[in-house]
């Protein structure tokens, strides 16, 4: 096995929806609040624009810049955690969403990387993304997200 300086998390799922509906669910507050622990994103969604995730209590959870904005195919943002000091210290990672229509479904690939080995950020998103994306899939396919992913966890 070759060691690299990069840590990477990749998640692929297929969602029975349209690219346009999935795109809206990824960026529009009325959707993200339902499956992403009550959070919403703030950005004007242009390349180079500021981007942040707002925690329900008003704190900034994560922040960065919009790197790619190509609706409804690709969204990429630089991403730095703002509320956990050990994760914030790792600096900016990159999160990219790729959407590909595949008949009656959309293939969603989420790739989250950082240019450092053994990243705590990537370990953290590796725990968080699967539940969050499963809840997103369930929301789009059934109209209801997981109850566990709809509110911000106490103590965070």
C-alpha atoms as a PDB file:
ATOM      1  CA  UNK A   1       0.000   0.000   0.000  1.00  0.00           C
ATOM      2  CA  UNK A   2       1.321   3.418  -0.937  1.00  0.00           C
ATOM      3  CA  UNK A   3       1.037   6.125   1.698  1.00  0.00           C
ATOM      4  CA  UNK A   4      -0.183   9.484   0.491  1.00  0.00           C
ATOM      5  CA  UNK A   5      -0.357  12.843   2.173  1.00  0.00           C
ATOM      6  CA  UNK A   6      -4.088  13.024   1.511  1.00  0.00           C
ATOM      7  CA  UNK A   7      -7.016  11.697   3.518  1.00  0.00           C
ATOM      8  CA  UNK A   8     -10.177  10.951   1.565  1.00  0.00           C
ATOM      9  CA  UNK A   9     -13.780   9.908   2.170  1.00  0.00           C
ATOM     10  CA  UNK A  10     -15.987   8.888  -0.772  1.00  0.00           C
ATOM     11  CA  UNK A  11     -19.660   7.937  -0.551  1.00  0.00           C
ATOM     12  CA  UNK A  12     -21.847   6.880  -3.476  1.00  0.00           C
ATOM     13  CA  UNK A  13     -25.609   6.439  -3.332  1.00  0.00           C
ATOM     14  CA  UNK A  14     -28.466   6.259  -5.805  1.00  0.00           C
ATOM     15  CA  UNK A  15     -31.569   8.319  -5.052  1.00  0.00           C
ATOM     16  CA  UNK A  16     -34.933   7.965  -6.768  1.00  0.00           C
ATOM     17  CA  UNK A  17     -35.373  11.629  -7.694  1.00  0.00           C
ATOM     18  CA  UNK A  18     -34.378  14.136 -10.359  1.00  0.00           C
ATOM     19  CA  UNK A  19     -31.058  16.002 -10.484  1.00  0.00           C
ATOM     20  CA  UNK A  20     -32.927  19.281  -9.940  1.00  0.00           C
ATOM     21  CA  UNK A  21     -34.682  18.050  -6.777  1.00  0.00           C
ATOM     22  CA  UNK A  22     -31.467  16.595  -5.379  1.00  0.00           C
ATOM     23  CA  UNK A  23     -29.609  19.827  -6.140  1.00  0.00           C
ATOM     24  CA  UNK A  24     -32.257  21.825  -4.272  1.00  0.00           C
ATOM     25  CA  UNK A  25     -32.063  19.420  -1.333  1.00  0.00           C
ATOM     26  CA  UNK A  26     -28.294  19.933  -1.131  1.00  0.00           C
ATOM     27  CA  UNK A  27     -28.373  23.741  -0.933  1.00  0.00           C
ATOM     28  CA  UNK A  28     -31.805  25.071   0.031  1.00  0.00           C
ATOM     29  CA  UNK A  29     -32.408  25.715   3.760  1.00  0.00           C
ATOM     30  CA  UNK A  30     -35.932  24.291   3.800  1.00  0.00           C
ATOM     31  CA  UNK A  31     -34.446  20.925   2.783  1.00  0.00           C
ATOM     32  CA  UNK A  32     -31.150  20.898   4.695  1.00  0.00           C
ATOM     33  CA  UNK A  33     -32.829  21.687   8.008  1.00  0.00           C
ATOM     34  CA  UNK A  34     -34.831  18.451   7.663  1.00  0.00           C
ATOM     35  CA  UNK A  35     -31.947  15.989   7.225  1.00  0.00           C
ATOM     36  CA  UNK A  36     -28.805  17.892   8.298  1.00  0.00           C
ATOM     37  CA  UNK A  37     -29.401  18.327  12.045  1.00  0.00           C
ATOM     38  CA  UNK A  38     -31.426  21.515  11.697  1.00  0.00           C
ATOM     39  CA  UNK A  39     -28.585  23.368   9.954  1.00  0.00           C
ATOM     40  CA  UNK A  40     -28.725  25.504   6.848  1.00  0.00           C
ATOM     41  CA  UNK A  41     -26.114  26.823   4.454  1.00  0.00           C
ATOM     42  CA  UNK A  42     -25.532  30.477   3.644  1.00  0.00           C
ATOM     43  CA  UNK A  43     -23.959  31.483   0.333  1.00  0.00           C
ATOM     44  CA  UNK A  44     -24.824  33.387  -2.799  1.00  0.00           C
ATOM     45  CA  UNK A  45     -23.716  30.212  -4.636  1.00  0.00           C
ATOM     46  CA  UNK A  46     -21.254  31.720  -7.086  1.00  0.00           C
ATOM     47  CA  UNK A  47     -17.673  30.579  -7.580  1.00  0.00           C
ATOM     48  CA  UNK A  48     -15.452  32.335  -5.048  1.00  0.00           C
ATOM     49  CA  UNK A  49     -18.353  33.237  -2.749  1.00  0.00           C
ATOM     50  CA  UNK A  50     -18.238  32.634   0.988  1.00  0.00           C
ATOM     51  CA  UNK A  51     -20.060  29.534   2.192  1.00  0.00           C
ATOM     52  CA  UNK A  52     -21.020  28.491   5.706  1.00  0.00           C
ATOM     53  CA  UNK A  53     -23.183  26.042   7.579  1.00  0.00           C
ATOM     54  CA  UNK A  54     -25.200  27.645  10.353  1.00  0.00           C
ATOM     55  CA  UNK A  55     -25.905  25.617  13.499  1.00  0.00           C
ATOM     56  CA  UNK A  56     -29.457  26.117  14.843  1.00  0.00           C
ATOM     57  CA  UNK A  57     -28.159  28.114  17.859  1.00  0.00           C
ATOM     58  CA  UNK A  58     -26.610  30.716  15.526  1.00  0.00           C
ATOM     59  CA  UNK A  59     -22.994  29.499  15.551  1.00  0.00           C
ATOM     60  CA  UNK A  60     -21.095  28.887  12.332  1.00  0.00           C
ATOM     61  CA  UNK A  61     -20.454  25.158  12.080  1.00  0.00           C
ATOM     62  CA  UNK A  62     -18.263  25.079   8.993  1.00  0.00           C
ATOM     63  CA  UNK A  63     -17.090  27.685   6.511  1.00  0.00           C
ATOM     64  CA  UNK A  64     -15.201  28.089   3.282  1.00  0.00           C
ATOM     65  CA  UNK A  65     -15.575  29.172  -0.317  1.00  0.00           C
ATOM     66  CA  UNK A  66     -17.580  27.924  -3.278  1.00  0.00           C
ATOM     67  CA  UNK A  67     -15.052  26.323  -5.645  1.00  0.00           C
ATOM     68  CA  UNK A  68     -17.361  24.881  -8.327  1.00  0.00           C
ATOM     69  CA  UNK A  69     -21.028  25.701  -8.922  1.00  0.00           C
ATOM     70  CA  UNK A  70     -22.457  23.815 -11.909  1.00  0.00           C
ATOM     71  CA  UNK A  71     -26.156  23.074 -11.265  1.00  0.00           C
ATOM     72  CA  UNK A  72     -27.401  20.390 -11.222  1.00  0.00           C
ATOM     73  CA  UNK A  73     -24.181  18.465 -11.859  1.00  0.00           C
ATOM     74  CA  UNK A  74     -21.371  19.517  -9.538  1.00  0.00           C
ATOM     75  CA  UNK A  75     -20.861  21.544  -6.386  1.00  0.00           C
ATOM     76  CA  UNK A  76     -17.532  21.853  -4.616  1.00  0.00           C
ATOM     77  CA  UNK A  77     -16.665  23.887  -1.527  1.00  0.00           C
ATOM     78  CA  UNK A  78     -13.609  24.406   0.630  1.00  0.00           C
ATOM     79  CA  UNK A  79     -14.595  23.365   4.142  1.00  0.00           C
ATOM     80  CA  UNK A  80     -13.177  24.215   7.563  1.00  0.00           C
ATOM     81  CA  UNK A  81     -14.801  23.186  10.816  1.00  0.00           C
ATOM     82  CA  UNK A  82     -15.347  26.237  13.028  1.00  0.00           C
ATOM     83  CA  UNK A  83     -16.624  24.891  16.352  1.00  0.00           C
ATOM     84  CA  UNK A  84     -14.249  22.041  17.240  1.00  0.00           C
ATOM     85  CA  UNK A  85     -10.717  23.395  17.850  1.00  0.00           C
ATOM     86  CA  UNK A  86      -8.841  20.189  16.935  1.00  0.00           C
ATOM     87  CA  UNK A  87     -10.704  19.946  13.619  1.00  0.00           C
ATOM     88  CA  UNK A  88     -10.414  23.667  12.905  1.00  0.00           C
ATOM     89  CA  UNK A  89      -6.642  23.360  13.364  1.00  0.00           C
ATOM     90  CA  UNK A  90      -6.444  21.006  10.372  1.00  0.00           C
ATOM     91  CA  UNK A  91      -7.510  23.840   8.066  1.00  0.00           C
ATOM     92  CA  UNK A  92      -9.579  23.567   4.906  1.00  0.00           C
ATOM     93  CA  UNK A  93     -10.722  20.353   3.321  1.00  0.00           C
ATOM     94  CA  UNK A  94     -12.642  20.075   0.048  1.00  0.00           C
ATOM     95  CA  UNK A  95     -16.107  18.593  -0.330  1.00  0.00           C
ATOM     96  CA  UNK A  96     -17.436  17.831  -3.800  1.00  0.00           C
ATOM     97  CA  UNK A  97     -20.910  16.624  -4.749  1.00  0.00           C
ATOM     98  CA  UNK A  98     -21.255  15.014  -8.179  1.00  0.00           C
ATOM     99  CA  UNK A  99     -24.755  14.296  -9.495  1.00  0.00           C
ATOM    100  CA  UNK A 100     -25.380  12.031 -12.479  1.00  0.00           C
ATOM    101  CA  UNK A 101     -28.809  11.114 -13.844  1.00  0.00           C
ATOM    102  CA  UNK A 102     -29.115   7.344 -14.264  1.00  0.00           C
ATOM    103  CA  UNK A 103     -32.624   6.587 -15.530  1.00  0.00           C
ATOM    104  CA  UNK A 104     -35.128   6.979 -12.703  1.00  0.00           C
ATOM    105  CA  UNK A 105     -32.411   7.700 -10.148  1.00  0.00           C
ATOM    106  CA  UNK A 106     -29.567  10.113  -9.563  1.00  0.00           C
ATOM    107  CA  UNK A 107     -26.129   8.844  -8.656  1.00  0.00           C
ATOM    108  CA  UNK A 108     -24.742  11.089  -5.921  1.00  0.00           C
ATOM    109  CA  UNK A 109     -21.036  10.898  -5.171  1.00  0.00           C
ATOM    110  CA  UNK A 110     -19.723  12.881  -2.202  1.00  0.00           C
ATOM    111  CA  UNK A 111     -15.936  13.172  -2.030  1.00  0.00           C
ATOM    112  CA  UNK A 112     -14.382  14.858   1.000  1.00  0.00           C
ATOM    113  CA  UNK A 113     -10.587  15.273   1.011  1.00  0.00           C
ATOM    114  CA  UNK A 114      -7.855  17.068   2.905  1.00  0.00           C
ATOM    115  CA  UNK A 115      -4.167  17.310   2.109  1.00  0.00           C
ATOM    116  CA  UNK A 116      -2.876  15.610   5.259  1.00  0.00           C
ATOM    117  CA  UNK A 117      -2.549  12.006   6.375  1.00  0.00           C
ATOM    118  CA  UNK A 118      -4.694  10.532   9.150  1.00  0.00           C
ATOM    119  CA  UNK A 119      -7.035  13.519   9.252  1.00  0.00           C
ATOM    120  CA  UNK A 120      -9.442  13.920  12.161  1.00  0.00           C
ATOM    121  CA  UNK A 121     -11.695  15.903   9.816  1.00  0.00           C
ATOM    122  CA  UNK A 122     -11.977  12.982   7.401  1.00  0.00           C
ATOM    123  CA  UNK A 123     -12.487  10.537  10.282  1.00  0.00           C
ATOM    124  CA  UNK A 124     -15.311  12.778  11.504  1.00  0.00           C
ATOM    125  CA  UNK A 125     -17.034  13.184   8.158  1.00  0.00           C
ATOM    126  CA  UNK A 126     -16.614   9.445   7.620  1.00  0.00           C
ATOM    127  CA  UNK A 127     -18.838   8.970  10.658  1.00  0.00           C
ATOM    128  CA  UNK A 128     -21.300  11.743   9.778  1.00  0.00           C
ATOM    129  CA  UNK A 129     -21.824  11.594   6.019  1.00  0.00           C
ATOM    130  CA  UNK A 130     -23.321   8.060   5.762  1.00  0.00           C
ATOM    131  CA  UNK A 131     -26.210   8.795   8.162  1.00  0.00           C
ATOM    132  CA  UNK A 132     -26.761  12.260   6.767  1.00  0.00           C
ATOM    133  CA  UNK A 133     -26.839  11.070   3.146  1.00  0.00           C
ATOM    134  CA  UNK A 134     -29.088   8.115   3.990  1.00  0.00           C
ATOM    135  CA  UNK A 135     -31.470  10.587   5.629  1.00  0.00           C
ATOM    136  CA  UNK A 136     -31.322  12.812   2.521  1.00  0.00           C
ATOM    137  CA  UNK A 137     -32.130   9.807   0.318  1.00  0.00           C
ATOM    138  CA  UNK A 138     -35.036   8.835   2.568  1.00  0.00           C
ATOM    139  CA  UNK A 139     -36.354  12.420   2.604  1.00  0.00           C
ATOM    140  CA  UNK A 140     -36.375  12.640  -1.190  1.00  0.00           C
ATOM    141  CA  UNK A 141     -37.865   9.181  -1.695  1.00  0.00           C
ATOM    142  CA  UNK A 142     -40.480   9.190   1.084  1.00  0.00           C
ATOM    143  CA  UNK A 143     -40.947  12.818   2.134  1.00  0.00           C
ATOM    144  CA  UNK A 144     -39.580  12.247   5.651  1.00  0.00           C
ATOM    145  CA  UNK A 145     -35.978  12.376   6.904  1.00  0.00           C
ATOM    146  CA  UNK A 146     -34.637  10.286   9.800  1.00  0.00           C
ATOM    147  CA  UNK A 147     -35.733  11.726  13.136  1.00  0.00           C
ATOM    148  CA  UNK A 148     -32.176  11.267  14.469  1.00  0.00           C
ATOM    149  CA  UNK A 149     -30.668  13.481  11.777  1.00  0.00           C
ATOM    150  CA  UNK A 150     -33.226  16.271  11.973  1.00  0.00           C
ATOM    151  CA  UNK A 151     -31.990  17.993  15.157  1.00  0.00           C
ATOM    152  CA  UNK A 152     -28.603  19.216  16.332  1.00  0.00           C
ATOM    153  CA  UNK A 153     -27.059  16.820  18.894  1.00  0.00           C
ATOM    154  CA  UNK A 154     -26.966  18.127  22.452  1.00  0.00           C
ATOM    155  CA  UNK A 155     -23.547  19.115  23.718  1.00  0.00           C
ATOM    156  CA  UNK A 156     -22.127  19.997  20.324  1.00  0.00           C
END
